[in-house]
Protein backbone atom coordinates (compact mmCIF):
# COMPACT_ATOMS: atom_id res chain seq x y z
CA MET A 1 -20.33 -1.56 9.13
CA LYS A 2 -18.36 -3.19 6.31
CA GLU A 3 -15.45 -5.50 7.08
CA ASN A 4 -12.89 -3.00 5.74
CA ASP A 5 -14.30 -0.03 7.67
CA ASN A 6 -11.92 -0.65 10.55
CA TRP A 7 -8.72 -0.80 8.49
CA GLY A 8 -7.95 2.85 9.13
CA ARG A 9 -8.24 2.31 12.84
CA ALA A 10 -5.71 -0.53 12.62
CA LEU A 11 -3.09 1.83 11.17
CA SER A 12 -0.56 2.71 13.78
CA GLY A 13 2.18 5.21 14.36
CA GLU A 14 3.76 7.01 11.46
CA LEU A 15 1.60 5.33 8.81
CA PHE A 16 -1.54 6.58 10.52
CA GLU A 17 -0.14 10.12 10.60
CA ARG A 18 0.79 10.04 6.89
CA TRP A 19 -2.44 8.39 5.72
CA PRO A 20 -4.84 10.95 4.13
CA LYS A 21 -7.91 11.82 6.16
CA ASP A 22 -11.42 12.66 4.93
CA GLU A 23 -13.37 15.79 5.85
CA ASN A 24 -14.35 14.18 9.18
CA GLY A 25 -10.75 13.42 10.11
CA GLU A 26 -11.22 9.69 9.50
CA PRO A 27 -8.57 7.76 7.53
CA GLU A 28 -9.37 7.53 3.83
CA GLU A 29 -10.48 4.17 2.46
CA PRO A 30 -7.62 1.89 1.37
CA VAL A 31 -8.05 0.37 -2.10
CA PHE A 32 -6.35 -2.63 -3.69
CA LEU A 33 -3.42 -1.72 -5.95
CA GLY A 34 -2.19 -5.21 -6.78
CA THR A 35 -0.42 -8.33 -5.62
CA ALA A 36 3.38 -8.40 -5.69
CA VAL A 37 5.53 -11.52 -5.52
CA ASN A 38 8.03 -11.98 -2.71
CA LEU A 39 10.63 -14.21 -4.34
CA ASN A 40 12.72 -11.39 -5.79
CA LEU A 41 11.76 -8.76 -3.16
CA PHE A 42 9.50 -7.10 -5.73
CA ASP A 43 6.95 -6.40 -2.99
CA GLU A 44 9.51 -4.53 -0.88
CA LEU A 45 10.79 -2.59 -3.89
CA THR A 46 7.25 -1.60 -4.90
CA VAL A 47 6.30 -0.42 -1.42
CA ASN A 48 9.56 1.50 -1.01
CA MET A 49 9.10 3.19 -4.40
CA LEU A 50 5.54 4.24 -3.52
CA GLU A 51 6.63 5.51 -0.11
CA ALA A 52 9.45 7.50 -1.77
CA TYR A 53 6.79 9.29 -3.84
CA GLY A 54 4.74 10.02 -0.73
CA ILE A 55 2.14 7.29 -1.22
CA PRO A 56 1.56 5.37 2.03
CA CYS A 57 0.89 1.62 1.70
CA ILE A 58 -0.71 -1.16 3.66
CA ARG A 59 0.61 -4.66 3.07
CA ARG A 60 -1.59 -7.69 3.52
CA TYR A 61 -0.47 -11.30 3.24
CA PRO A 62 -3.33 -13.49 1.90
CA GLY A 63 -4.09 -17.01 3.04
CA ASN A 64 -1.31 -18.38 5.22
CA GLY A 65 1.04 -15.67 3.99
CA SER A 66 1.41 -14.03 7.40
CA PHE A 67 2.74 -17.30 8.81
CA GLY A 68 5.16 -17.66 5.90
CA LYS A 69 6.31 -14.06 6.37
CA LEU A 70 6.96 -14.76 10.04
CA ILE A 71 8.76 -18.09 9.61
CA LEU A 72 10.46 -17.73 6.20
CA GLY A 73 10.68 -13.97 5.90
CA MET A 74 8.41 -14.00 2.84
CA SER A 75 4.87 -14.89 1.95
CA GLY A 76 4.53 -17.72 -0.55
CA GLU A 77 1.21 -16.30 -1.71
CA GLY A 78 2.48 -12.79 -2.43
CA THR A 79 1.76 -9.45 -0.84
CA GLU A 80 -1.42 -7.50 -1.45
CA ILE A 81 -0.71 -3.78 -1.56
CA TYR A 82 -3.35 -1.20 -0.64
CA VAL A 83 -3.07 2.57 -1.05
CA PRO A 84 -5.34 5.51 -0.20
CA LYS A 85 -8.25 5.79 -2.65
CA SER A 86 -7.27 9.32 -3.70
CA MET A 87 -3.74 8.16 -4.59
CA LEU A 88 -4.65 5.01 -6.55
CA GLU A 89 -4.19 6.58 -9.98
CA ASP A 90 -0.72 7.92 -9.14
CA ALA A 91 0.32 4.62 -7.54
CA ALA A 92 -0.85 2.65 -10.58
CA ALA A 93 1.04 5.01 -12.91
CA LEU A 94 4.22 4.54 -10.87
CA CYS A 95 3.85 0.76 -10.93
CA THR A 96 3.46 0.71 -14.71
CA GLY A 97 6.48 2.87 -15.34
CA GLY A 98 4.68 6.20 -15.43
CA ALA A 99 6.92 7.88 -12.85
CA ASP A 100 7.82 10.64 -15.32
CA ALA A 101 4.16 11.68 -15.59
CA ILE A 102 3.89 11.94 -11.80
CA THR A 103 7.04 13.99 -11.24
CA GLU A 104 6.23 16.43 -14.06
CA GLU A 105 2.88 17.33 -12.50
CA GLU A 106 4.37 18.34 -9.15
CA PRO A 107 5.21 22.03 -8.71
């Protein structure tokens, strides 16, 4: 079993319910979207934008970032953002200003 195989099982509550499932009912693999800085709340804005478009996100704080998030309210090393593998292309388009392309494709 790979290290990341248990990530889906760590999802809890509403995020678990919204996370896409594979044909076996298991949570889809999360893939790395990018690292966002915390100083200007860019990480929060990015996650909220993705969530508004229906793309669930997992945040991970590298290094000692979890401690910084707890004590200071922000991670000095940034926030790694992960999205479902099937939604990576849409999430990347949104993060690069391609929101118009996403909304035009929806019925």
